[in-house]
């Protein structure tokens, strides 16, 4: 019974990694799209950084999908999950550091600022969630 409970909990963490890495990958694309549609004129360097951040989360999704497909938990799978959490936290931290720079554009557009605040809130939530997962798995 203990193993089944433990497996369910680790599966839950993997599912959270899948969900939030997909959302984190889409947030930069969404920001770029809305910025373009509302003529925020983000510099090319900022657009490139957003593309890079979007791409950083995709390997995490792929690795989490591979872990989810495994039929049983081994110590290596456990370590792989811990590694994915560390990787997620690293990339989420990069994204969180970039968001204040993006907020400098369109300061007079309340809807744009609210969108960026919403994304910032979600990314901070993810950082806290994955920090808690990391603490539980250590």
N, C-alpha and C. Protein backbone atom coordinates (compact mmCIF):
# COMPACT_ATOMS: atom_id res chain seq x y z
N UNK A 1 0.82 -1.19 0.00
CA UNK A 1 0.00 0.00 0.00
C UNK A 1 0.87 1.26 0.00
N UNK A 2 1.94 1.25 0.76
CA UNK A 2 2.82 2.42 0.81
C UNK A 2 3.36 2.76 -0.58
N UNK A 3 3.80 1.77 -1.31
CA UNK A 3 4.37 2.00 -2.63
C UNK A 3 3.34 2.61 -3.57
N UNK A 4 2.10 2.09 -3.49
CA UNK A 4 1.06 2.64 -4.35
C UNK A 4 0.80 4.11 -4.01
N UNK A 5 0.74 4.45 -2.74
CA UNK A 5 0.55 5.84 -2.31
C UNK A 5 1.71 6.69 -2.79
N UNK A 6 2.90 6.19 -2.62
CA UNK A 6 4.08 6.93 -3.02
C UNK A 6 4.08 7.15 -4.52
N UNK A 7 3.74 6.14 -5.27
CA UNK A 7 3.69 6.24 -6.73
C UNK A 7 2.67 7.29 -7.15
N UNK A 8 1.52 7.29 -6.52
CA UNK A 8 0.49 8.27 -6.84
C UNK A 8 1.00 9.67 -6.58
N UNK A 9 1.69 9.89 -5.47
CA UNK A 9 2.20 11.22 -5.17
C UNK A 9 3.25 11.66 -6.19
N UNK A 10 4.15 10.78 -6.56
CA UNK A 10 5.16 11.13 -7.54
C UNK A 10 4.51 11.36 -8.91
N UNK A 11 3.50 10.58 -9.22
CA UNK A 11 2.76 10.77 -10.47
C UNK A 11 2.09 12.14 -10.47
N UNK A 12 1.57 12.54 -9.34
CA UNK A 12 0.96 13.86 -9.22
C UNK A 12 1.99 14.95 -9.50
N UNK A 13 3.18 14.81 -8.98
CA UNK A 13 4.25 15.79 -9.22
C UNK A 13 4.58 15.83 -10.71
N UNK A 14 4.69 14.68 -11.34
CA UNK A 14 4.99 14.63 -12.78
C UNK A 14 3.87 15.31 -13.56
N UNK A 15 2.63 15.07 -13.18
CA UNK A 15 1.51 15.74 -13.86
C UNK A 15 1.57 17.25 -13.69
N UNK A 16 1.97 17.71 -12.52
CA UNK A 16 2.13 19.16 -12.31
C UNK A 16 3.27 19.70 -13.18
N UNK A 17 4.34 18.95 -13.30
CA UNK A 17 5.45 19.37 -14.17
C UNK A 17 4.95 19.50 -15.60
N UNK A 18 4.19 18.52 -16.05
CA UNK A 18 3.64 18.57 -17.41
C UNK A 18 2.77 19.80 -17.62
N UNK A 19 1.84 20.02 -16.71
CA UNK A 19 0.91 21.14 -16.83
C UNK A 19 1.64 22.48 -16.83
N UNK A 20 2.47 22.70 -15.82
CA UNK A 20 3.07 24.02 -15.66
C UNK A 20 4.20 24.28 -16.64
N UNK A 21 4.87 23.25 -17.11
CA UNK A 21 5.90 23.50 -18.12
C UNK A 21 5.24 23.86 -19.45
N UNK A 22 4.08 23.28 -19.73
CA UNK A 22 3.36 23.66 -20.96
C UNK A 22 2.88 25.12 -20.86
N UNK A 23 2.29 25.48 -19.74
CA UNK A 23 1.83 26.85 -19.55
C UNK A 23 3.01 27.82 -19.61
N UNK A 24 4.11 27.46 -18.96
CA UNK A 24 5.29 28.33 -18.96
C UNK A 24 5.88 28.48 -20.36
N UNK A 25 5.77 27.46 -21.17
CA UNK A 25 6.24 27.54 -22.54
C UNK A 25 5.34 28.44 -23.39
N UNK A 26 4.05 28.46 -23.07
CA UNK A 26 3.09 29.25 -23.84
C UNK A 26 3.05 30.73 -23.41
N UNK A 27 3.35 31.02 -22.16
CA UNK A 27 3.30 32.41 -21.68
C UNK A 27 4.14 33.37 -22.53
N UNK A 28 5.40 33.05 -22.84
CA UNK A 28 6.18 33.99 -23.66
C UNK A 28 5.58 34.19 -25.05
N UNK A 29 5.03 33.16 -25.63
CA UNK A 29 4.39 33.28 -26.95
C UNK A 29 3.17 34.18 -26.86
N UNK A 30 2.42 34.00 -25.81
CA UNK A 30 1.23 34.83 -25.59
C UNK A 30 1.64 36.30 -25.41
N UNK A 31 2.68 36.54 -24.63
CA UNK A 31 3.16 37.91 -24.42
C UNK A 31 3.57 38.53 -25.76
N UNK A 32 4.34 37.80 -26.55
CA UNK A 32 4.78 38.32 -27.84
C UNK A 32 3.60 38.61 -28.76
N UNK A 33 2.62 37.73 -28.78
CA UNK A 33 1.46 37.90 -29.64
C UNK A 33 0.66 39.14 -29.25
N UNK A 34 0.36 39.27 -27.97
CA UNK A 34 -0.41 40.43 -27.50
C UNK A 34 0.40 41.71 -27.70
N UNK A 35 1.70 41.65 -27.45
CA UNK A 35 2.54 42.83 -27.66
C UNK A 35 2.49 43.28 -29.11
N UNK A 36 2.56 42.34 -30.01
CA UNK A 36 2.51 42.67 -31.43
C UNK A 36 1.15 43.24 -31.83
N UNK A 37 0.09 42.61 -31.36
CA UNK A 37 -1.27 43.06 -31.71
C UNK A 37 -1.60 44.43 -31.13
N UNK A 38 -0.97 44.77 -30.02
CA UNK A 38 -1.26 46.06 -29.37
C UNK A 38 -0.12 47.06 -29.59
N UNK A 39 0.77 46.73 -30.50
CA UNK A 39 1.86 47.63 -30.90
C UNK A 39 2.73 48.11 -29.72
N UNK A 40 3.19 47.16 -28.95
CA UNK A 40 4.08 47.49 -27.83
C UNK A 40 5.52 47.67 -28.30
N UNK A 41 5.82 47.22 -29.50
CA UNK A 41 7.16 47.38 -30.08
C UNK A 41 8.28 46.90 -29.16
N UNK A 42 8.14 45.67 -28.71
CA UNK A 42 9.22 45.07 -27.90
C UNK A 42 10.47 44.97 -28.76
N UNK A 43 11.63 45.28 -28.21
CA UNK A 43 12.86 45.15 -29.00
C UNK A 43 13.12 43.69 -29.39
N UNK A 44 13.83 43.53 -30.48
CA UNK A 44 14.13 42.18 -30.98
C UNK A 44 14.86 41.35 -29.94
N UNK A 45 15.74 41.97 -29.17
CA UNK A 45 16.48 41.21 -28.14
C UNK A 45 15.52 40.64 -27.09
N UNK A 46 14.50 41.38 -26.74
CA UNK A 46 13.51 40.91 -25.77
C UNK A 46 12.65 39.79 -26.38
N UNK A 47 12.29 39.94 -27.65
CA UNK A 47 11.54 38.88 -28.34
C UNK A 47 12.36 37.59 -28.40
N UNK A 48 13.66 37.73 -28.65
CA UNK A 48 14.52 36.54 -28.69
C UNK A 48 14.58 35.87 -27.32
N UNK A 49 14.69 36.67 -26.27
CA UNK A 49 14.73 36.10 -24.92
C UNK A 49 13.42 35.39 -24.59
N UNK A 50 12.31 35.96 -25.02
CA UNK A 50 11.02 35.29 -24.80
C UNK A 50 10.97 33.96 -25.55
N UNK A 51 11.48 33.94 -26.78
CA UNK A 51 11.54 32.68 -27.54
C UNK A 51 12.41 31.66 -26.83
N UNK A 52 13.54 32.11 -26.31
CA UNK A 52 14.45 31.20 -25.60
C UNK A 52 13.78 30.61 -24.37
N UNK A 53 13.07 31.45 -23.64
CA UNK A 53 12.39 30.96 -22.43
C UNK A 53 11.31 29.95 -22.81
N UNK A 54 10.57 30.25 -23.85
CA UNK A 54 9.54 29.31 -24.31
C UNK A 54 10.17 27.95 -24.63
N UNK A 55 11.30 27.98 -25.32
CA UNK A 55 11.97 26.74 -25.71
C UNK A 55 12.57 25.99 -24.53
N UNK A 56 12.93 26.70 -23.47
CA UNK A 56 13.55 26.06 -22.30
C UNK A 56 12.61 25.07 -21.62
N UNK A 57 11.32 25.35 -21.67
CA UNK A 57 10.36 24.50 -20.96
C UNK A 57 9.96 23.26 -21.77
N UNK A 58 10.18 23.27 -23.06
CA UNK A 58 9.75 22.13 -23.90
C UNK A 58 10.48 20.83 -23.57
N UNK A 59 11.79 20.84 -23.35
CA UNK A 59 12.45 19.58 -22.97
C UNK A 59 11.95 19.04 -21.62
N UNK A 60 11.57 19.94 -20.74
CA UNK A 60 11.03 19.49 -19.45
C UNK A 60 9.75 18.71 -19.68
N UNK A 61 8.89 19.23 -20.56
CA UNK A 61 7.64 18.52 -20.89
C UNK A 61 7.94 17.13 -21.46
N UNK A 62 8.88 17.08 -22.40
CA UNK A 62 9.20 15.79 -23.03
C UNK A 62 9.74 14.78 -22.03
N UNK A 63 10.62 15.25 -21.14
CA UNK A 63 11.18 14.35 -20.13
C UNK A 63 10.10 13.90 -19.15
N UNK A 64 9.20 14.80 -18.80
CA UNK A 64 8.11 14.44 -17.88
C UNK A 64 7.17 13.43 -18.54
N UNK A 65 6.90 13.60 -19.82
CA UNK A 65 6.06 12.63 -20.54
C UNK A 65 6.71 11.25 -20.55
N UNK A 66 8.02 11.21 -20.72
CA UNK A 66 8.73 9.93 -20.70
C UNK A 66 8.65 9.29 -19.32
N UNK A 67 8.79 10.09 -18.28
CA UNK A 67 8.69 9.56 -16.92
C UNK A 67 7.28 9.04 -16.67
N UNK A 68 6.29 9.78 -17.11
CA UNK A 68 4.89 9.38 -16.89
C UNK A 68 4.60 8.04 -17.56
N UNK A 69 5.29 7.76 -18.66
CA UNK A 69 5.07 6.51 -19.38
C UNK A 69 5.71 5.29 -18.73
N UNK A 70 6.51 5.49 -17.72
CA UNK A 70 7.16 4.35 -17.05
C UNK A 70 6.14 3.62 -16.18
N UNK A 71 6.30 2.31 -16.12
CA UNK A 71 5.32 1.50 -15.39
C UNK A 71 5.61 1.38 -13.90
N UNK A 72 6.83 1.69 -13.47
CA UNK A 72 7.13 1.60 -12.04
C UNK A 72 8.22 2.62 -11.68
N UNK A 73 8.25 2.93 -10.42
CA UNK A 73 9.20 3.92 -9.91
C UNK A 73 10.48 3.22 -9.47
N UNK A 74 11.58 3.73 -9.93
CA UNK A 74 12.90 3.26 -9.50
C UNK A 74 13.64 4.45 -8.88
N UNK A 75 14.72 4.21 -8.21
CA UNK A 75 15.50 5.36 -7.68
C UNK A 75 15.91 6.34 -8.79
N UNK A 76 16.18 5.83 -9.98
CA UNK A 76 16.57 6.71 -11.08
C UNK A 76 15.41 7.61 -11.50
N UNK A 77 14.20 7.08 -11.52
CA UNK A 77 13.03 7.89 -11.86
C UNK A 77 12.85 8.98 -10.82
N UNK A 78 12.99 8.62 -9.58
CA UNK A 78 12.89 9.59 -8.49
C UNK A 78 13.90 10.72 -8.70
N UNK A 79 15.14 10.36 -9.03
CA UNK A 79 16.18 11.37 -9.26
C UNK A 79 15.87 12.19 -10.51
N UNK A 80 15.29 11.56 -11.52
CA UNK A 80 14.91 12.29 -12.73
C UNK A 80 13.85 13.36 -12.42
N UNK A 81 12.89 13.02 -11.57
CA UNK A 81 11.85 13.97 -11.18
C UNK A 81 12.48 15.13 -10.42
N UNK A 82 13.37 14.83 -9.50
CA UNK A 82 14.06 15.89 -8.76
C UNK A 82 14.84 16.79 -9.70
N UNK A 83 15.47 16.21 -10.69
CA UNK A 83 16.24 16.97 -11.66
C UNK A 83 15.32 17.88 -12.50
N UNK A 84 14.17 17.37 -12.88
CA UNK A 84 13.21 18.19 -13.63
C UNK A 84 12.72 19.37 -12.81
N UNK A 85 12.51 19.14 -11.54
CA UNK A 85 12.09 20.23 -10.66
C UNK A 85 13.17 21.30 -10.60
N UNK A 86 14.42 20.89 -10.45
CA UNK A 86 15.52 21.85 -10.43
C UNK A 86 15.60 22.63 -11.74
N UNK A 87 15.44 21.92 -12.84
CA UNK A 87 15.49 22.56 -14.16
C UNK A 87 14.33 23.55 -14.31
N UNK A 88 13.14 23.14 -13.88
CA UNK A 88 11.99 24.02 -13.95
C UNK A 88 12.23 25.29 -13.13
N UNK A 89 12.72 25.14 -11.92
CA UNK A 89 12.97 26.30 -11.06
C UNK A 89 13.99 27.25 -11.68
N UNK A 90 15.01 26.72 -12.30
CA UNK A 90 16.02 27.54 -12.96
C UNK A 90 15.39 28.39 -14.06
N UNK A 91 14.62 27.75 -14.94
CA UNK A 91 14.01 28.46 -16.06
C UNK A 91 12.91 29.41 -15.61
N UNK A 92 12.15 29.00 -14.62
CA UNK A 92 11.11 29.88 -14.09
C UNK A 92 11.74 31.13 -13.48
N UNK A 93 12.86 30.95 -12.81
CA UNK A 93 13.59 32.09 -12.26
C UNK A 93 14.04 33.06 -13.34
N UNK A 94 14.52 32.52 -14.47
CA UNK A 94 14.90 33.39 -15.59
C UNK A 94 13.70 34.18 -16.11
N UNK A 95 12.58 33.50 -16.23
CA UNK A 95 11.38 34.15 -16.74
C UNK A 95 10.92 35.24 -15.77
N UNK A 96 10.92 34.92 -14.49
CA UNK A 96 10.50 35.91 -13.49
C UNK A 96 11.40 37.15 -13.49
N UNK A 97 12.68 36.97 -13.78
CA UNK A 97 13.59 38.12 -13.85
C UNK A 97 13.35 38.96 -15.10
N UNK A 98 12.83 38.35 -16.15
CA UNK A 98 12.57 39.06 -17.41
C UNK A 98 11.27 39.85 -17.37
N UNK A 99 10.29 39.38 -16.64
CA UNK A 99 8.97 40.02 -16.66
C UNK A 99 8.98 41.50 -16.26
N UNK A 100 9.74 41.94 -15.26
CA UNK A 100 9.76 43.39 -14.96
C UNK A 100 10.25 44.23 -16.14
N UNK A 101 11.18 43.69 -16.91
CA UNK A 101 11.66 44.42 -18.09
C UNK A 101 10.55 44.57 -19.13
N UNK A 102 9.76 43.53 -19.29
CA UNK A 102 8.65 43.57 -20.25
C UNK A 102 7.60 44.57 -19.79
N UNK A 103 7.40 44.66 -18.48
CA UNK A 103 6.40 45.59 -17.93
C UNK A 103 6.75 47.05 -18.20
N UNK A 104 7.99 47.32 -18.56
CA UNK A 104 8.39 48.69 -18.86
C UNK A 104 7.75 49.20 -20.16
N UNK A 105 7.27 48.28 -20.96
CA UNK A 105 6.61 48.64 -22.22
C UNK A 105 5.10 48.69 -21.98
N UNK A 106 4.46 49.68 -22.54
CA UNK A 106 3.01 49.80 -22.42
C UNK A 106 2.54 50.12 -21.02
N UNK A 107 3.30 50.95 -20.31
CA UNK A 107 2.92 51.30 -18.94
C UNK A 107 1.55 51.97 -18.86
N UNK A 108 1.14 52.63 -19.93
CA UNK A 108 -0.14 53.34 -19.94
C UNK A 108 -1.31 52.44 -20.34
N UNK A 109 -1.01 51.19 -20.67
CA UNK A 109 -2.05 50.24 -21.09
C UNK A 109 -2.38 49.32 -19.90
N UNK A 110 -3.48 49.63 -19.24
CA UNK A 110 -3.86 48.89 -18.02
C UNK A 110 -4.13 47.41 -18.30
N UNK A 111 -4.71 47.10 -19.44
CA UNK A 111 -5.01 45.71 -19.78
C UNK A 111 -3.71 44.92 -19.98
N UNK A 112 -2.76 45.52 -20.68
CA UNK A 112 -1.45 44.90 -20.90
C UNK A 112 -0.75 44.65 -19.57
N UNK A 113 -0.75 45.67 -18.72
CA UNK A 113 -0.11 45.54 -17.41
C UNK A 113 -0.79 44.46 -16.57
N UNK A 114 -2.10 44.38 -16.65
CA UNK A 114 -2.84 43.35 -15.90
C UNK A 114 -2.50 41.96 -16.42
N UNK A 115 -2.39 41.83 -17.73
CA UNK A 115 -1.99 40.55 -18.33
C UNK A 115 -0.62 40.14 -17.81
N UNK A 116 0.33 41.07 -17.83
CA UNK A 116 1.68 40.75 -17.35
C UNK A 116 1.68 40.43 -15.86
N UNK A 117 0.84 41.13 -15.10
CA UNK A 117 0.74 40.85 -13.67
C UNK A 117 0.16 39.45 -13.43
N UNK A 118 -0.82 39.07 -14.24
CA UNK A 118 -1.41 37.74 -14.12
C UNK A 118 -0.36 36.66 -14.42
N UNK A 119 0.40 36.85 -15.48
CA UNK A 119 1.44 35.89 -15.84
C UNK A 119 2.51 35.84 -14.74
N UNK A 120 2.88 36.99 -14.22
CA UNK A 120 3.86 37.04 -13.13
C UNK A 120 3.34 36.27 -11.92
N UNK A 121 2.08 36.48 -11.59
CA UNK A 121 1.48 35.79 -10.45
C UNK A 121 1.52 34.27 -10.66
N UNK A 122 1.16 33.82 -11.86
CA UNK A 122 1.19 32.38 -12.14
C UNK A 122 2.60 31.82 -12.06
N UNK A 123 3.57 32.55 -12.61
CA UNK A 123 4.95 32.06 -12.59
C UNK A 123 5.49 32.03 -11.16
N UNK A 124 5.11 33.00 -10.35
CA UNK A 124 5.52 32.97 -8.93
C UNK A 124 4.87 31.80 -8.21
N UNK A 125 3.60 31.56 -8.52
CA UNK A 125 2.91 30.41 -7.92
C UNK A 125 3.66 29.12 -8.27
N UNK A 126 4.05 28.99 -9.54
CA UNK A 126 4.77 27.79 -9.97
C UNK A 126 6.09 27.67 -9.23
N UNK A 127 6.79 28.79 -9.07
CA UNK A 127 8.07 28.75 -8.37
C UNK A 127 7.88 28.26 -6.94
N UNK A 128 6.87 28.77 -6.29
CA UNK A 128 6.58 28.34 -4.91
C UNK A 128 6.17 26.87 -4.86
N UNK A 129 5.31 26.46 -5.79
CA UNK A 129 4.86 25.07 -5.85
C UNK A 129 6.04 24.11 -6.04
N UNK A 130 6.91 24.42 -7.00
CA UNK A 130 8.02 23.52 -7.28
C UNK A 130 9.09 23.58 -6.19
N UNK A 131 9.21 24.71 -5.54
CA UNK A 131 10.12 24.79 -4.38
C UNK A 131 9.59 23.87 -3.27
N UNK A 132 8.28 23.87 -3.06
CA UNK A 132 7.70 22.97 -2.06
C UNK A 132 7.89 21.51 -2.44
N UNK A 133 7.70 21.19 -3.73
CA UNK A 133 7.93 19.81 -4.18
C UNK A 133 9.39 19.41 -3.93
N UNK A 134 10.29 20.31 -4.24
CA UNK A 134 11.71 20.02 -4.04
C UNK A 134 12.00 19.74 -2.57
N UNK A 135 11.44 20.56 -1.70
CA UNK A 135 11.64 20.36 -0.26
C UNK A 135 11.07 19.02 0.19
N UNK A 136 9.94 18.62 -0.34
CA UNK A 136 9.32 17.35 0.03
C UNK A 136 10.13 16.14 -0.48
N UNK A 137 10.77 16.31 -1.62
CA UNK A 137 11.51 15.19 -2.20
C UNK A 137 12.93 15.08 -1.66
N UNK A 138 13.41 16.12 -1.01
CA UNK A 138 14.77 16.07 -0.44
C UNK A 138 14.81 15.26 0.84
